[in-house]
Amino acid sequence: MRKEDLLKIIQEVVVTLEEAERDHIRKTLEQTRWVVAGPHGAAARLGIKRSTLYFRMQKLGISRANKEPVHTE
């Protein structure tokens, strides 16, 4: 296998930190049925303040309106 082919495969597999954060937040939101605040909300599960979660959701383009199915395994 050529070096270029290996690099292409690696680039397809590598997940960026932003993608991993987006996926983790989306899965947590789905697990909490999109409840952000409160003792059982997504922010509490993630260990961050509600305002921080809202900021990250905005930064990462996460909203309930544009959610895609997230497979939790």
PDB file of N, CA and C in Angstrom:
ATOM      1  N   MET A   1       0.849  -1.173   0.000  1.00  0.00           N
ATOM      2  CA  MET A   1       0.000   0.000   0.000  1.00  0.00           C
ATOM      3  C   MET A   1       0.899   1.241   0.000  1.00  0.00           C
ATOM      4  N   ARG A   2       0.511   2.210  -0.785  1.00  0.00           N
ATOM      5  CA  ARG A   2       1.307   3.434  -0.884  1.00  0.00           C
ATOM      6  C   ARG A   2       1.077   4.334   0.320  1.00  0.00           C
ATOM      7  N   LYS A   3       2.059   5.171   0.580  1.00  0.00           N
ATOM      8  CA  LYS A   3       1.995   6.110   1.706  1.00  0.00           C
ATOM      9  C   LYS A   3       0.798   7.046   1.569  1.00  0.00           C
ATOM     10  N   GLU A   4       0.512   7.501   0.363  1.00  0.00           N
ATOM     11  CA  GLU A   4      -0.606   8.410   0.114  1.00  0.00           C
ATOM     12  C   GLU A   4      -1.946   7.743   0.453  1.00  0.00           C
ATOM     13  N   ASP A   5      -2.040   6.452   0.107  1.00  0.00           N
ATOM     14  CA  ASP A   5      -3.268   5.711   0.405  1.00  0.00           C
ATOM     15  C   ASP A   5      -3.471   5.574   1.916  1.00  0.00           C
ATOM     16  N   LEU A   6      -2.381   5.289   2.629  1.00  0.00           N
ATOM     17  CA  LEU A   6      -2.466   5.171   4.086  1.00  0.00           C
ATOM     18  C   LEU A   6      -2.867   6.500   4.725  1.00  0.00           C
ATOM     19  N   LEU A   7      -2.287   7.590   4.262  1.00  0.00           N
ATOM     20  CA  LEU A   7      -2.631   8.910   4.800  1.00  0.00           C
ATOM     21  C   LEU A   7      -4.095   9.236   4.563  1.00  0.00           C
ATOM     22  N   LYS A   8      -4.611   8.874   3.391  1.00  0.00           N
ATOM     23  CA  LYS A   8      -6.021   9.131   3.081  1.00  0.00           C
ATOM     24  C   LYS A   8      -6.932   8.351   4.028  1.00  0.00           C
ATOM     25  N   ILE A   9      -6.592   7.097   4.292  1.00  0.00           N
ATOM     26  CA  ILE A   9      -7.381   6.269   5.205  1.00  0.00           C
ATOM     27  C   ILE A   9      -7.351   6.840   6.615  1.00  0.00           C
ATOM     28  N   ILE A  10      -6.181   7.245   7.069  1.00  0.00           N
ATOM     29  CA  ILE A  10      -6.034   7.807   8.409  1.00  0.00           C
ATOM     30  C   ILE A  10      -6.856   9.086   8.546  1.00  0.00           C
ATOM     31  N   GLN A  11      -6.821   9.949   7.533  1.00  0.00           N
ATOM     32  CA  GLN A  11      -7.568  11.203   7.581  1.00  0.00           C
ATOM     33  C   GLN A  11      -9.074  10.949   7.652  1.00  0.00           C
ATOM     34  N   GLU A  12      -9.553   9.892   7.027  1.00  0.00           N
ATOM     35  CA  GLU A  12     -10.972   9.565   7.062  1.00  0.00           C
ATOM     36  C   GLU A  12     -11.394   9.054   8.437  1.00  0.00           C
ATOM     37  N   VAL A  13     -10.481   8.401   9.140  1.00  0.00           N
ATOM     38  CA  VAL A  13     -10.784   7.788  10.424  1.00  0.00           C
ATOM     39  C   VAL A  13     -10.639   8.777  11.578  1.00  0.00           C
ATOM     40  N   VAL A  14      -9.709   9.688  11.468  1.00  0.00           N
ATOM     41  CA  VAL A  14      -9.415  10.622  12.552  1.00  0.00           C
ATOM     42  C   VAL A  14     -10.612  11.538  12.811  1.00  0.00           C
ATOM     43  N   VAL A  15     -10.965  11.651  14.070  1.00  0.00           N
ATOM     44  CA  VAL A  15     -12.060  12.517  14.486  1.00  0.00           C
ATOM     45  C   VAL A  15     -11.441  13.738  15.153  1.00  0.00           C
ATOM     46  N   THR A  16     -11.902  14.914  14.763  1.00  0.00           N
ATOM     47  CA  THR A  16     -11.371  16.117  15.387  1.00  0.00           C
ATOM     48  C   THR A  16     -11.955  16.272  16.785  1.00  0.00           C
ATOM     49  N   LEU A  17     -11.295  17.069  17.591  1.00  0.00           N
ATOM     50  CA  LEU A  17     -11.781  17.341  18.939  1.00  0.00           C
ATOM     51  C   LEU A  17     -13.164  17.974  18.878  1.00  0.00           C
ATOM     52  N   GLU A  18     -13.368  18.863  17.920  1.00  0.00           N
ATOM     53  CA  GLU A  18     -14.670  19.520  17.762  1.00  0.00           C
ATOM     54  C   GLU A  18     -15.760  18.507  17.428  1.00  0.00           C
ATOM     55  N   GLU A  19     -15.462  17.560  16.544  1.00  0.00           N
ATOM     56  CA  GLU A  19     -16.436  16.523  16.192  1.00  0.00           C
ATOM     57  C   GLU A  19     -16.755  15.639  17.391  1.00  0.00           C
ATOM     58  N   ALA A  20     -15.729  15.296  18.157  1.00  0.00           N
ATOM     59  CA  ALA A  20     -15.933  14.457  19.340  1.00  0.00           C
ATOM     60  C   ALA A  20     -16.774  15.193  20.373  1.00  0.00           C
ATOM     61  N   GLU A  21     -16.502  16.482  20.570  1.00  0.00           N
ATOM     62  CA  GLU A  21     -17.274  17.277  21.529  1.00  0.00           C
ATOM     63  C   GLU A  21     -18.731  17.394  21.080  1.00  0.00           C
ATOM     64  N   ARG A  22     -18.945  17.653  19.793  1.00  0.00           N
ATOM     65  CA  ARG A  22     -20.303  17.766  19.245  1.00  0.00           C
ATOM     66  C   ARG A  22     -21.067  16.459  19.457  1.00  0.00           C
ATOM     67  N   ASP A  23     -20.433  15.349  19.152  1.00  0.00           N
ATOM     68  CA  ASP A  23     -21.077  14.043  19.293  1.00  0.00           C
ATOM     69  C   ASP A  23     -21.413  13.747  20.756  1.00  0.00           C
ATOM     70  N   HIS A  24     -20.484  14.047  21.655  1.00  0.00           N
ATOM     71  CA  HIS A  24     -20.698  13.785  23.078  1.00  0.00           C
ATOM     72  C   HIS A  24     -21.837  14.634  23.630  1.00  0.00           C
ATOM     73  N   ILE A  25     -21.875  15.900  23.262  1.00  0.00           N
ATOM     74  CA  ILE A  25     -22.952  16.778  23.729  1.00  0.00           C
ATOM     75  C   ILE A  25     -24.285  16.326  23.165  1.00  0.00           C
ATOM     76  N   ARG A  26     -24.333  15.996  21.878  1.00  0.00           N
ATOM     77  CA  ARG A  26     -25.598  15.526  21.272  1.00  0.00           C
ATOM     78  C   ARG A  26     -26.108  14.256  21.946  1.00  0.00           C
ATOM     79  N   LYS A  27     -25.217  13.310  22.197  1.00  0.00           N
ATOM     80  CA  LYS A  27     -25.639  12.061  22.850  1.00  0.00           C
ATOM     81  C   LYS A  27     -26.165  12.339  24.258  1.00  0.00           C
ATOM     82  N   THR A  28     -25.497  13.226  24.974  1.00  0.00           N
ATOM     83  CA  THR A  28     -25.942  13.571  26.321  1.00  0.00           C
ATOM     84  C   THR A  28     -27.296  14.263  26.272  1.00  0.00           C
ATOM     85  N   LEU A  29     -27.493  15.160  25.321  1.00  0.00           N
ATOM     86  CA  LEU A  29     -28.786  15.836  25.178  1.00  0.00           C
ATOM     87  C   LEU A  29     -29.898  14.825  24.852  1.00  0.00           C
ATOM     88  N   GLU A  30     -29.609  13.872  24.007  1.00  0.00           N
ATOM     89  CA  GLU A  30     -30.624  12.860  23.686  1.00  0.00           C
ATOM     90  C   GLU A  30     -30.940  11.998  24.903  1.00  0.00           C
ATOM     91  N   GLN A  31     -29.913  11.656  25.683  1.00  0.00           N
ATOM     92  CA  GLN A  31     -30.132  10.839  26.881  1.00  0.00           C
ATOM     93  C   GLN A  31     -30.999  11.572  27.904  1.00  0.00           C
ATOM     94  N   THR A  32     -30.893  12.903  27.945  1.00  0.00           N
ATOM     95  CA  THR A  32     -31.681  13.700  28.890  1.00  0.00           C
ATOM     96  C   THR A  32     -32.946  14.246  28.238  1.00  0.00           C
ATOM     97  N   ARG A  33     -33.251  13.760  27.029  1.00  0.00           N
ATOM     98  CA  ARG A  33     -34.407  14.223  26.266  1.00  0.00           C
ATOM     99  C   ARG A  33     -34.384  15.737  26.081  1.00  0.00           C
ATOM    100  N   TRP A  34     -33.196  16.237  25.816  1.00  0.00           N
ATOM    101  CA  TRP A  34     -32.945  17.650  25.522  1.00  0.00           C
ATOM    102  C   TRP A  34     -33.235  18.573  26.700  1.00  0.00           C
ATOM    103  N   VAL A  35     -33.187  18.036  27.906  1.00  0.00           N
ATOM    104  CA  VAL A  35     -33.269  18.869  29.110  1.00  0.00           C
ATOM    105  C   VAL A  35     -31.844  19.346  29.392  1.00  0.00           C
ATOM    106  N   VAL A  36     -31.658  20.658  29.386  1.00  0.00           N
ATOM    107  CA  VAL A  36     -30.320  21.222  29.550  1.00  0.00           C
ATOM    108  C   VAL A  36     -30.011  21.494  31.013  1.00  0.00           C
ATOM    109  N   ALA A  37     -30.945  22.130  31.716  1.00  0.00           N
ATOM    110  CA  ALA A  37     -30.706  22.572  33.095  1.00  0.00           C
ATOM    111  C   ALA A  37     -31.295  21.595  34.105  1.00  0.00           C
ATOM    112  N   GLY A  38     -31.023  21.878  35.367  1.00  0.00           N
ATOM    113  CA  GLY A  38     -31.571  21.068  36.450  1.00  0.00           C
ATOM    114  C   GLY A  38     -30.613  19.974  36.878  1.00  0.00           C
ATOM    115  N   PRO A  39     -30.944  19.325  37.961  1.00  0.00           N
ATOM    116  CA  PRO A  39     -30.038  18.317  38.531  1.00  0.00           C
ATOM    117  C   PRO A  39     -29.836  17.087  37.642  1.00  0.00           C
ATOM    118  N   HIS A  40     -30.780  16.820  36.748  1.00  0.00           N
ATOM    119  CA  HIS A  40     -30.669  15.658  35.871  1.00  0.00           C
ATOM    120  C   HIS A  40     -30.487  16.063  34.414  1.00  0.00           C
ATOM    121  N   GLY A  41     -30.209  17.341  34.188  1.00  0.00           N
ATOM    122  CA  GLY A  41     -30.049  17.855  32.832  1.00  0.00           C
ATOM    123  C   GLY A  41     -28.682  17.558  32.244  1.00  0.00           C
ATOM    124  N   ALA A  42     -28.548  17.880  30.973  1.00  0.00           N
ATOM    125  CA  ALA A  42     -27.309  17.605  30.248  1.00  0.00           C
ATOM    126  C   ALA A  42     -26.119  18.357  30.840  1.00  0.00           C
ATOM    127  N   ALA A  43     -26.320  19.602  31.244  1.00  0.00           N
ATOM    128  CA  ALA A  43     -25.203  20.380  31.803  1.00  0.00           C
ATOM    129  C   ALA A  43     -24.649  19.708  33.057  1.00  0.00           C
ATOM    130  N   ALA A  44     -25.529  19.236  33.919  1.00  0.00           N
ATOM    131  CA  ALA A  44     -25.085  18.561  35.141  1.00  0.00           C
ATOM    132  C   ALA A  44     -24.337  17.272  34.806  1.00  0.00           C
ATOM    133  N   ARG A  45     -24.845  16.524  33.854  1.00  0.00           N
ATOM    134  CA  ARG A  45     -24.173  15.279  33.456  1.00  0.00           C
ATOM    135  C   ARG A  45     -22.797  15.537  32.866  1.00  0.00           C
ATOM    136  N   LEU A  46     -22.674  16.662  32.152  1.00  0.00           N
ATOM    137  CA  LEU A  46     -21.397  16.998  31.535  1.00  0.00           C
ATOM    138  C   LEU A  46     -20.451  17.696  32.510  1.00  0.00           C
ATOM    139  N   GLY A  47     -20.986  18.109  33.662  1.00  0.00           N
ATOM    140  CA  GLY A  47     -20.161  18.765  34.662  1.00  0.00           C
ATOM    141  C   GLY A  47     -19.812  20.201  34.318  1.00  0.00           C
ATOM    142  N   ILE A  48     -20.707  20.859  33.559  1.00  0.00           N
ATOM    143  CA  ILE A  48     -20.481  22.254  33.187  1.00  0.00           C
ATOM    144  C   ILE A  48     -21.727  23.075  33.517  1.00  0.00           C
ATOM    145  N   LYS A  49     -21.559  24.392  33.532  1.00  0.00           N
ATOM    146  CA  LYS A  49     -22.692  25.275  33.798  1.00  0.00           C
ATOM    147  C   LYS A  49     -23.624  25.295  32.598  1.00  0.00           C
ATOM    148  N   ARG A  50     -24.893  25.573  32.884  1.00  0.00           N
ATOM    149  CA  ARG A  50     -25.903  25.644  31.834  1.00  0.00           C
ATOM    150  C   ARG A  50     -25.505  26.656  30.752  1.00  0.00           C
ATOM    151  N   SER A  51     -25.015  27.816  31.183  1.00  0.00           N
ATOM    152  CA  SER A  51     -24.637  28.856  30.221  1.00  0.00           C
ATOM    153  C   SER A  51     -23.469  28.395  29.335  1.00  0.00           C
ATOM    154  N   THR A  52     -22.567  27.619  29.905  1.00  0.00           N
ATOM    155  CA  THR A  52     -21.442  27.094  29.123  1.00  0.00           C
ATOM    156  C   THR A  52     -21.941  26.098  28.088  1.00  0.00           C
ATOM    157  N   LEU A  53     -22.885  25.261  28.481  1.00  0.00           N
ATOM    158  CA  LEU A  53     -23.445  24.293  27.540  1.00  0.00           C
ATOM    159  C   LEU A  53     -24.167  25.012  26.409  1.00  0.00           C
ATOM    160  N   TYR A  54     -24.971  26.025  26.725  1.00  0.00           N
ATOM    161  CA  TYR A  54     -25.654  26.788  25.678  1.00  0.00           C
ATOM    162  C   TYR A  54     -24.644  27.428  24.724  1.00  0.00           C
ATOM    163  N   PHE A  55     -23.548  27.974  25.279  1.00  0.00           N
ATOM    164  CA  PHE A  55     -22.522  28.594  24.443  1.00  0.00           C
ATOM    165  C   PHE A  55     -21.892  27.564  23.512  1.00  0.00           C
ATOM    166  N   ARG A  56     -21.547  26.407  24.048  1.00  0.00           N
ATOM    167  CA  ARG A  56     -20.916  25.359  23.223  1.00  0.00           C
ATOM    168  C   ARG A  56     -21.881  24.820  22.176  1.00  0.00           C
ATOM    169  N   MET A  57     -23.156  24.699  22.548  1.00  0.00           N
ATOM    170  CA  MET A  57     -24.149  24.250  21.575  1.00  0.00           C
ATOM    171  C   MET A  57     -24.222  25.230  20.409  1.00  0.00           C
ATOM    172  N   GLN A  58     -24.220  26.516  20.722  1.00  0.00           N
ATOM    173  CA  GLN A  58     -24.269  27.532  19.667  1.00  0.00           C
ATOM    174  C   GLN A  58     -23.001  27.471  18.813  1.00  0.00           C
ATOM    175  N   LYS A  59     -21.853  27.371  19.462  1.00  0.00           N
ATOM    176  CA  LYS A  59     -20.568  27.323  18.764  1.00  0.00           C
ATOM    177  C   LYS A  59     -20.476  26.118  17.829  1.00  0.00           C
ATOM    178  N   LEU A  60     -21.020  24.983  18.272  1.00  0.00           N
ATOM    179  CA  LEU A  60     -20.930  23.747  17.504  1.00  0.00           C
ATOM    180  C   LEU A  60     -22.120  23.526  16.569  1.00  0.00           C
ATOM    181  N   GLY A  61     -23.070  24.464  16.577  1.00  0.00           N
ATOM    182  CA  GLY A  61     -24.226  24.350  15.687  1.00  0.00           C
ATOM    183  C   GLY A  61     -25.223  23.294  16.112  1.00  0.00           C
ATOM    184  N   ILE A  62     -25.343  23.086  17.407  1.00  0.00           N
ATOM    185  CA  ILE A  62     -26.265  22.074  17.926  1.00  0.00           C
ATOM    186  C   ILE A  62     -27.542  22.753  18.375  1.00  0.00           C
ATOM    187  N   SER A  63     -28.658  22.309  17.825  1.00  0.00           N
ATOM    188  CA  SER A  63     -29.968  22.765  18.298  1.00  0.00           C
ATOM    189  C   SER A  63     -30.956  21.629  18.093  1.00  0.00           C
ATOM    190  N   ARG A  64     -32.012  21.668  18.835  1.00  0.00           N
ATOM    191  CA  ARG A  64     -32.996  20.588  18.735  1.00  0.00           C
ATOM    192  C   ARG A  64     -33.624  20.552  17.346  1.00  0.00           C
ATOM    193  N   ALA A  65     -33.749  21.713  16.727  1.00  0.00           N
ATOM    194  CA  ALA A  65     -34.363  21.797  15.403  1.00  0.00           C
ATOM    195  C   ALA A  65     -33.537  21.093  14.331  1.00  0.00           C
ATOM    196  N   ASN A  66     -32.207  21.120  14.466  1.00  0.00           N
ATOM    197  CA  ASN A  66     -31.376  20.517  13.421  1.00  0.00           C
ATOM    198  C   ASN A  66     -30.704  19.233  13.874  1.00  0.00           C
ATOM    199  N   LYS A  67     -31.239  18.608  14.883  1.00  0.00           N
ATOM    200  CA  LYS A  67     -30.614  17.383  15.390  1.00  0.00           C
ATOM    201  C   LYS A  67     -30.755  16.259  14.377  1.00  0.00           C
ATOM    202  N   GLU A  68     -29.752  15.434  14.338  1.00  0.00           N
ATOM    203  CA  GLU A  68     -29.767  14.232  13.525  1.00  0.00           C
ATOM    204  C   GLU A  68     -29.811  13.047  14.470  1.00  0.00           C
ATOM    205  N   PRO A  69     -30.316  11.918  14.015  1.00  0.00           N
ATOM    206  CA  PRO A  69     -30.341  10.751  14.915  1.00  0.00           C
ATOM    207  C   PRO A  69     -28.949  10.407  15.405  1.00  0.00           C
ATOM    208  N   VAL A  70     -28.846  10.217  16.704  1.00  0.00           N
ATOM    209  CA  VAL A  70     -27.579   9.842  17.309  1.00  0.00           C
ATOM    210  C   VAL A  70     -27.742   8.425  17.836  1.00  0.00           C
ATOM    211  N   HIS A  71     -26.849   7.548  17.424  1.00  0.00           N
ATOM    212  CA  HIS A  71     -26.924   6.157  17.852  1.00  0.00           C
ATOM    213  C   HIS A  71     -26.158   5.999  19.153  1.00  0.00           C
ATOM    214  N   THR A  72     -26.858   5.663  20.214  1.00  0.00           N
ATOM    215  CA  THR A  72     -26.202   5.389  21.500  1.00  0.00           C
ATOM    216  C   THR A  72     -26.077   3.888  21.632  1.00  0.00           C
ATOM    217  N   GLU A  73     -24.874   3.444  21.880  1.00  0.00           N
ATOM    218  CA  GLU A  73     -24.638   1.999  21.960  1.00  0.00           C
ATOM    219  C   GLU A  73     -24.286   1.587  23.339  1.00  0.00           C
TER     220      GLU A  73
END
